[in-house]
Amino acid sequence: LLDYVTHPTELIEQEVYNVGACHIAFQVYDIEKAYKRLMQKGVKFLSWPVLSSEGFAKVCFCFDPNNTRIELVEML
């Protein structure tokens, strides 16, 4: 979906406390289905789908090929 064509230096660590974009979020309609499908394709996840602390969504995090954190969100 988003991809750098060239990159002048090595990748940097993308921690949540660093300046700049540390992750991108996508809304999905069935997070369990998306999670299983991506797991089957070898995507590395930080967590399985869990209920958000506010209780209005299910969320999980994974990494894209450039090691950027991706958040999947299913609104309840």
PDB file of N, CA and C in Angstrom:
ATOM      1  N   LEU A   1       0.822  -1.184   0.000  1.00  0.00           N
ATOM      2  CA  LEU A   1       0.000   0.000   0.000  1.00  0.00           C
ATOM      3  C   LEU A   1       0.870   1.252   0.000  1.00  0.00           C
ATOM      4  N   LEU A   2       1.795   1.345   0.941  1.00  0.00           N
ATOM      5  CA  LEU A   2       2.754   2.445   0.988  1.00  0.00           C
ATOM      6  C   LEU A   2       4.137   1.827   0.925  1.00  0.00           C
ATOM      7  N   ASP A   3       4.993   2.327   0.027  1.00  0.00           N
ATOM      8  CA  ASP A   3       6.306   1.723  -0.119  1.00  0.00           C
ATOM      9  C   ASP A   3       7.303   2.776  -0.573  1.00  0.00           C
ATOM     10  N   TYR A   4       8.465   2.817   0.087  1.00  0.00           N
ATOM     11  CA  TYR A   4       9.550   3.678  -0.365  1.00  0.00           C
ATOM     12  C   TYR A   4      10.164   3.047  -1.602  1.00  0.00           C
ATOM     13  N   VAL A   5      10.397   3.853  -2.633  1.00  0.00           N
ATOM     14  CA  VAL A   5      11.040   3.350  -3.833  1.00  0.00           C
ATOM     15  C   VAL A   5      12.544   3.272  -3.602  1.00  0.00           C
ATOM     16  N   THR A   6      13.101   4.276  -2.952  1.00  0.00           N
ATOM     17  CA  THR A   6      14.519   4.274  -2.584  1.00  0.00           C
ATOM     18  C   THR A   6      14.638   4.728  -1.146  1.00  0.00           C
ATOM     19  N   HIS A   7      15.738   4.370  -0.558  1.00  0.00           N
ATOM     20  CA  HIS A   7      15.983   4.752   0.831  1.00  0.00           C
ATOM     21  C   HIS A   7      17.462   5.088   0.953  1.00  0.00           C
ATOM     22  N   PRO A   8      17.799   6.364   1.283  1.00  0.00           N
ATOM     23  CA  PRO A   8      19.198   6.794   1.258  1.00  0.00           C
ATOM     24  C   PRO A   8      20.077   6.208   2.367  1.00  0.00           C
ATOM     25  N   THR A   9      19.491   5.738   3.446  1.00  0.00           N
ATOM     26  CA  THR A   9      20.281   5.217   4.559  1.00  0.00           C
ATOM     27  C   THR A   9      19.665   3.929   5.066  1.00  0.00           C
ATOM     28  N   GLU A  10      20.307   3.361   6.066  1.00  0.00           N
ATOM     29  CA  GLU A  10      19.750   2.164   6.685  1.00  0.00           C
ATOM     30  C   GLU A  10      18.455   2.510   7.407  1.00  0.00           C
ATOM     31  N   LEU A  11      17.617   1.499   7.621  1.00  0.00           N
ATOM     32  CA  LEU A  11      16.383   1.701   8.374  1.00  0.00           C
ATOM     33  C   LEU A  11      16.715   2.063   9.811  1.00  0.00           C
ATOM     34  N   ILE A  12      15.894   2.927  10.404  1.00  0.00           N
ATOM     35  CA  ILE A  12      16.086   3.301  11.801  1.00  0.00           C
ATOM     36  C   ILE A  12      15.086   2.544  12.661  1.00  0.00           C
ATOM     37  N   GLU A  13      15.385   2.443  13.933  1.00  0.00           N
ATOM     38  CA  GLU A  13      14.448   1.827  14.863  1.00  0.00           C
ATOM     39  C   GLU A  13      13.222   2.720  14.977  1.00  0.00           C
ATOM     40  N   GLN A  14      12.057   2.156  14.835  1.00  0.00           N
ATOM     41  CA  GLN A  14      10.816   2.926  14.905  1.00  0.00           C
ATOM     42  C   GLN A  14      10.127   2.626  16.225  1.00  0.00           C
ATOM     43  N   GLU A  15      10.568   3.273  17.261  1.00  0.00           N
ATOM     44  CA  GLU A  15       9.983   3.096  18.584  1.00  0.00           C
ATOM     45  C   GLU A  15       8.885   4.128  18.795  1.00  0.00           C
ATOM     46  N   VAL A  16       7.954   3.818  19.671  1.00  0.00           N
ATOM     47  CA  VAL A  16       6.817   4.712  19.885  1.00  0.00           C
ATOM     48  C   VAL A  16       7.231   6.061  20.454  1.00  0.00           C
ATOM     49  N   TYR A  17       8.404   6.169  21.058  1.00  0.00           N
ATOM     50  CA  TYR A  17       8.852   7.429  21.648  1.00  0.00           C
ATOM     51  C   TYR A  17       9.697   8.266  20.686  1.00  0.00           C
ATOM     52  N   ASN A  18       9.998   7.768  19.479  1.00  0.00           N
ATOM     53  CA  ASN A  18      10.768   8.530  18.502  1.00  0.00           C
ATOM     54  C   ASN A  18       9.883   9.561  17.811  1.00  0.00           C
ATOM     55  N   VAL A  19      10.518  10.623  17.321  1.00  0.00           N
ATOM     56  CA  VAL A  19       9.805  11.650  16.568  1.00  0.00           C
ATOM     57  C   VAL A  19       9.429  11.088  15.202  1.00  0.00           C
ATOM     58  N   GLY A  20       8.243  11.436  14.722  1.00  0.00           N
ATOM     59  CA  GLY A  20       7.798  10.980  13.409  1.00  0.00           C
ATOM     60  C   GLY A  20       6.744   9.894  13.512  1.00  0.00           C
ATOM     61  N   ALA A  21       6.348   9.398  12.368  1.00  0.00           N
ATOM     62  CA  ALA A  21       5.313   8.360  12.336  1.00  0.00           C
ATOM     63  C   ALA A  21       5.886   7.050  12.850  1.00  0.00           C
ATOM     64  N   CYS A  22       5.247   6.484  13.853  1.00  0.00           N
ATOM     65  CA  CYS A  22       5.734   5.203  14.390  1.00  0.00           C
ATOM     66  C   CYS A  22       4.829   4.052  13.980  1.00  0.00           C
ATOM     67  N   HIS A  23       3.612   4.351  13.506  1.00  0.00           N
ATOM     68  CA  HIS A  23       2.749   3.288  12.996  1.00  0.00           C
ATOM     69  C   HIS A  23       1.625   3.887  12.171  1.00  0.00           C
ATOM     70  N   ILE A  24       0.966   3.017  11.427  1.00  0.00           N
ATOM     71  CA  ILE A  24      -0.188   3.418  10.634  1.00  0.00           C
ATOM     72  C   ILE A  24      -1.314   2.441  10.970  1.00  0.00           C
ATOM     73  N   ALA A  25      -2.545   2.936  10.994  1.00  0.00           N
ATOM     74  CA  ALA A  25      -3.686   2.100  11.377  1.00  0.00           C
ATOM     75  C   ALA A  25      -4.639   1.924  10.199  1.00  0.00           C
ATOM     76  N   PHE A  26      -5.213   0.724  10.127  1.00  0.00           N
ATOM     77  CA  PHE A  26      -6.215   0.413   9.115  1.00  0.00           C
ATOM     78  C   PHE A  26      -7.433  -0.185   9.796  1.00  0.00           C
ATOM     79  N   GLN A  27      -8.612   0.290   9.398  1.00  0.00           N
ATOM     80  CA  GLN A  27      -9.845  -0.288   9.920  1.00  0.00           C
ATOM     81  C   GLN A  27     -10.199  -1.513   9.088  1.00  0.00           C
ATOM     82  N   VAL A  28     -10.531  -2.603   9.768  1.00  0.00           N
ATOM     83  CA  VAL A  28     -10.958  -3.838   9.107  1.00  0.00           C
ATOM     84  C   VAL A  28     -12.341  -4.200   9.634  1.00  0.00           C
ATOM     85  N   TYR A  29     -13.074  -4.985   8.868  1.00  0.00           N
ATOM     86  CA  TYR A  29     -14.428  -5.357   9.281  1.00  0.00           C
ATOM     87  C   TYR A  29     -14.472  -6.644  10.092  1.00  0.00           C
ATOM     88  N   ASP A  30     -13.439  -7.478   9.964  1.00  0.00           N
ATOM     89  CA  ASP A  30     -13.366  -8.735  10.715  1.00  0.00           C
ATOM     90  C   ASP A  30     -11.905  -8.956  11.096  1.00  0.00           C
ATOM     91  N   ILE A  31     -11.521  -8.500  12.280  1.00  0.00           N
ATOM     92  CA  ILE A  31     -10.116  -8.536  12.687  1.00  0.00           C
ATOM     93  C   ILE A  31      -9.606  -9.962  12.868  1.00  0.00           C
ATOM     94  N   GLU A  32     -10.459 -10.858  13.338  1.00  0.00           N
ATOM     95  CA  GLU A  32     -10.037 -12.256  13.518  1.00  0.00           C
ATOM     96  C   GLU A  32      -9.685 -12.875  12.165  1.00  0.00           C
ATOM     97  N   LYS A  33     -10.503 -12.616  11.160  1.00  0.00           N
ATOM     98  CA  LYS A  33     -10.255 -13.137   9.814  1.00  0.00           C
ATOM     99  C   LYS A  33      -8.979 -12.520   9.229  1.00  0.00           C
ATOM    100  N   ALA A  34      -8.806 -11.204   9.397  1.00  0.00           N
ATOM    101  CA  ALA A  34      -7.609 -10.526   8.893  1.00  0.00           C
ATOM    102  C   ALA A  34      -6.358 -11.053   9.589  1.00  0.00           C
ATOM    103  N   TYR A  35      -6.439 -11.245  10.900  1.00  0.00           N
ATOM    104  CA  TYR A  35      -5.319 -11.767  11.681  1.00  0.00           C
ATOM    105  C   TYR A  35      -4.911 -13.155  11.178  1.00  0.00           C
ATOM    106  N   LYS A  36      -5.872 -14.051  11.035  1.00  0.00           N
ATOM    107  CA  LYS A  36      -5.574 -15.416  10.579  1.00  0.00           C
ATOM    108  C   LYS A  36      -4.984 -15.419   9.170  1.00  0.00           C
ATOM    109  N   ARG A  37      -5.551 -14.604   8.295  1.00  0.00           N
ATOM    110  CA  ARG A  37      -5.071 -14.546   6.906  1.00  0.00           C
ATOM    111  C   ARG A  37      -3.630 -14.046   6.843  1.00  0.00           C
ATOM    112  N   LEU A  38      -3.329 -12.988   7.602  1.00  0.00           N
ATOM    113  CA  LEU A  38      -1.973 -12.439   7.591  1.00  0.00           C
ATOM    114  C   LEU A  38      -0.980 -13.375   8.271  1.00  0.00           C
ATOM    115  N   MET A  39      -1.401 -14.049   9.345  1.00  0.00           N
ATOM    116  CA  MET A  39      -0.534 -15.030  10.010  1.00  0.00           C
ATOM    117  C   MET A  39      -0.159 -16.148   9.035  1.00  0.00           C
ATOM    118  N   GLN A  40      -1.127 -16.604   8.247  1.00  0.00           N
ATOM    119  CA  GLN A  40      -0.867 -17.664   7.267  1.00  0.00           C
ATOM    120  C   GLN A  40       0.136 -17.219   6.209  1.00  0.00           C
ATOM    121  N   LYS A  41       0.206 -15.906   5.969  1.00  0.00           N
ATOM    122  CA  LYS A  41       1.145 -15.364   4.983  1.00  0.00           C
ATOM    123  C   LYS A  41       2.501 -15.037   5.604  1.00  0.00           C
ATOM    124  N   GLY A  42       2.663 -15.325   6.902  1.00  0.00           N
ATOM    125  CA  GLY A  42       3.954 -15.123   7.553  1.00  0.00           C
ATOM    126  C   GLY A  42       4.179 -13.751   8.155  1.00  0.00           C
ATOM    127  N   VAL A  43       3.118 -12.956   8.277  1.00  0.00           N
ATOM    128  CA  VAL A  43       3.257 -11.628   8.879  1.00  0.00           C
ATOM    129  C   VAL A  43       3.559 -11.784  10.368  1.00  0.00           C
ATOM    130  N   LYS A  44       4.514 -10.985  10.864  1.00  0.00           N
ATOM    131  CA  LYS A  44       4.908 -11.019  12.274  1.00  0.00           C
ATOM    132  C   LYS A  44       4.000 -10.080  13.078  1.00  0.00           C
ATOM    133  N   PHE A  45       3.362 -10.605  14.113  1.00  0.00           N
ATOM    134  CA  PHE A  45       2.458  -9.830  14.960  1.00  0.00           C
ATOM    135  C   PHE A  45       3.067  -9.567  16.331  1.00  0.00           C
ATOM    136  N   LEU A  46       2.736  -8.411  16.894  1.00  0.00           N
ATOM    137  CA  LEU A  46       3.099  -8.092  18.277  1.00  0.00           C
ATOM    138  C   LEU A  46       2.076  -8.660  19.242  1.00  0.00           C
ATOM    139  N   SER A  47       0.835  -8.791  18.776  1.00  0.00           N
ATOM    140  CA  SER A  47      -0.231  -9.290  19.648  1.00  0.00           C
ATOM    141  C   SER A  47      -1.337  -9.896  18.797  1.00  0.00           C
ATOM    142  N   TRP A  48      -2.153 -10.703  19.420  1.00  0.00           N
ATOM    143  CA  TRP A  48      -3.363 -11.192  18.769  1.00  0.00           C
ATOM    144  C   TRP A  48      -4.448 -10.144  19.000  1.00  0.00           C
ATOM    145  N   PRO A  49      -5.588 -10.211  18.332  1.00  0.00           N
ATOM    146  CA  PRO A  49      -6.648  -9.223  18.531  1.00  0.00           C
ATOM    147  C   PRO A  49      -7.140  -9.199  19.979  1.00  0.00           C
ATOM    148  N   VAL A  50      -7.184  -7.997  20.547  1.00  0.00           N
ATOM    149  CA  VAL A  50      -7.655  -7.799  21.921  1.00  0.00           C
ATOM    150  C   VAL A  50      -8.642  -6.636  21.950  1.00  0.00           C
ATOM    151  N   LEU A  51      -9.447  -6.594  22.986  1.00  0.00           N
ATOM    152  CA  LEU A  51     -10.384  -5.493  23.178  1.00  0.00           C
ATOM    153  C   LEU A  51      -9.609  -4.258  23.618  1.00  0.00           C
ATOM    154  N   SER A  52      -9.895  -3.109  23.005  1.00  0.00           N
ATOM    155  CA  SER A  52      -9.223  -1.866  23.393  1.00  0.00           C
ATOM    156  C   SER A  52      -9.591  -1.502  24.824  1.00  0.00           C
ATOM    157  N   SER A  53      -8.744  -0.704  25.464  1.00  0.00           N
ATOM    158  CA  SER A  53      -8.996  -0.328  26.860  1.00  0.00           C
ATOM    159  C   SER A  53     -10.305   0.437  27.015  1.00  0.00           C
ATOM    160  N   GLU A  54     -10.734   1.153  25.964  1.00  0.00           N
ATOM    161  CA  GLU A  54     -11.991   1.897  26.008  1.00  0.00           C
ATOM    162  C   GLU A  54     -13.193   0.996  25.730  1.00  0.00           C
ATOM    163  N   GLY A  55     -12.943  -0.194  25.176  1.00  0.00           N
ATOM    164  CA  GLY A  55     -14.003  -1.158  24.929  1.00  0.00           C
ATOM    165  C   GLY A  55     -14.808  -0.956  23.658  1.00  0.00           C
ATOM    166  N   PHE A  56     -14.383  -0.051  22.777  1.00  0.00           N
ATOM    167  CA  PHE A  56     -15.172   0.198  21.571  1.00  0.00           C
ATOM    168  C   PHE A  56     -14.572  -0.426  20.309  1.00  0.00           C
ATOM    169  N   ALA A  57     -13.448  -1.128  20.448  1.00  0.00           N
ATOM    170  CA  ALA A  57     -12.799  -1.712  19.275  1.00  0.00           C
ATOM    171  C   ALA A  57     -11.948  -2.909  19.677  1.00  0.00           C
ATOM    172  N   LYS A  58     -11.682  -3.768  18.692  1.00  0.00           N
ATOM    173  CA  LYS A  58     -10.668  -4.811  18.834  1.00  0.00           C
ATOM    174  C   LYS A  58      -9.465  -4.336  18.039  1.00  0.00           C
ATOM    175  N   VAL A  59      -8.266  -4.545  18.569  1.00  0.00           N
ATOM    176  CA  VAL A  59      -7.052  -4.076  17.910  1.00  0.00           C
ATOM    177  C   VAL A  59      -5.958  -5.137  17.970  1.00  0.00           C
ATOM    178  N   CYS A  60      -5.034  -5.064  17.023  1.00  0.00           N
ATOM    179  CA  CYS A  60      -3.803  -5.851  17.078  1.00  0.00           C
ATOM    180  C   CYS A  60      -2.746  -5.123  16.249  1.00  0.00           C
ATOM    181  N   PHE A  61      -1.500  -5.467  16.498  1.00  0.00           N
ATOM    182  CA  PHE A  61      -0.378  -4.824  15.822  1.00  0.00           C
ATOM    183  C   PHE A  61       0.482  -5.863  15.121  1.00  0.00           C
ATOM    184  N   CYS A  62       0.977  -5.491  13.939  1.00  0.00           N
ATOM    185  CA  CYS A  62       1.899  -6.342  13.192  1.00  0.00           C
ATOM    186  C   CYS A  62       2.938  -5.443  12.529  1.00  0.00           C
ATOM    187  N   PHE A  63       3.839  -6.045  11.752  1.00  0.00           N
ATOM    188  CA  PHE A  63       4.877  -5.295  11.047  1.00  0.00           C
ATOM    189  C   PHE A  63       4.737  -5.486   9.546  1.00  0.00           C
ATOM    190  N   ASP A  64       5.005  -4.412   8.781  1.00  0.00           N
ATOM    191  CA  ASP A  64       5.049  -4.536   7.325  1.00  0.00           C
ATOM    192  C   ASP A  64       6.465  -4.966   6.919  1.00  0.00           C
ATOM    193  N   PRO A  65       6.738  -5.184   5.623  1.00  0.00           N
ATOM    194  CA  PRO A  65       8.075  -5.628   5.198  1.00  0.00           C
ATOM    195  C   PRO A  65       9.196  -4.645   5.539  1.00  0.00           C
ATOM    196  N   ASN A  66       8.866  -3.356   5.738  1.00  0.00           N
ATOM    197  CA  ASN A  66       9.868  -2.357   6.115  1.00  0.00           C
ATOM    198  C   ASN A  66       9.980  -2.201   7.625  1.00  0.00           C
ATOM    199  N   ASN A  67       9.325  -3.073   8.373  1.00  0.00           N
ATOM    200  CA  ASN A  67       9.341  -3.092   9.833  1.00  0.00           C
ATOM    201  C   ASN A  67       8.562  -1.934  10.464  1.00  0.00           C
ATOM    202  N   THR A  68       7.634  -1.347   9.718  1.00  0.00           N
ATOM    203  CA  THR A  68       6.754  -0.316  10.262  1.00  0.00           C
ATOM    204  C   THR A  68       5.603  -1.009  10.979  1.00  0.00           C
ATOM    205  N   ARG A  69       5.243  -0.499  12.145  1.00  0.00           N
ATOM    206  CA  ARG A  69       4.118  -1.089  12.878  1.00  0.00           C
ATOM    207  C   ARG A  69       2.806  -0.767  12.168  1.00  0.00           C
ATOM    208  N   ILE A  70       1.977  -1.780  12.030  1.00  0.00           N
ATOM    209  CA  ILE A  70       0.650  -1.642  11.437  1.00  0.00           C
ATOM    210  C   ILE A  70      -0.365  -2.004  12.514  1.00  0.00           C
ATOM    211  N   GLU A  71      -1.326  -1.126  12.721  1.00  0.00           N
ATOM    212  CA  GLU A  71      -2.408  -1.394  13.670  1.00  0.00           C
ATOM    213  C   GLU A  71      -3.656  -1.753  12.881  1.00  0.00           C
ATOM    214  N   LEU A  72      -4.260  -2.867  13.220  1.00  0.00           N
ATOM    215  CA  LEU A  72      -5.544  -3.247  12.640  1.00  0.00           C
ATOM    216  C   LEU A  72      -6.614  -2.967  13.679  1.00  0.00           C
ATOM    217  N   VAL A  73      -7.711  -2.335  13.261  1.00  0.00           N
ATOM    218  CA  VAL A  73      -8.771  -1.924  14.177  1.00  0.00           C
ATOM    219  C   VAL A  73     -10.116  -2.381  13.632  1.00  0.00           C
ATOM    220  N   GLU A  74     -10.879  -3.062  14.466  1.00  0.00           N
ATOM    221  CA  GLU A  74     -12.267  -3.407  14.141  1.00  0.00           C
ATOM    222  C   GLU A  74     -13.156  -2.671  15.129  1.00  0.00           C
ATOM    223  N   MET A  75     -13.937  -1.716  14.635  1.00  0.00           N
ATOM    224  CA  MET A  75     -14.853  -0.974  15.500  1.00  0.00           C
ATOM    225  C   MET A  75     -16.014  -1.885  15.892  1.00  0.00           C
ATOM    226  N   LEU A  76     -16.407  -1.830  17.152  1.00  0.00           N
ATOM    227  CA  LEU A  76     -17.510  -2.663  17.637  1.00  0.00           C
ATOM    228  C   LEU A  76     -18.810  -1.883  17.696  1.00  0.00           C
TER     229      LEU A  76
END
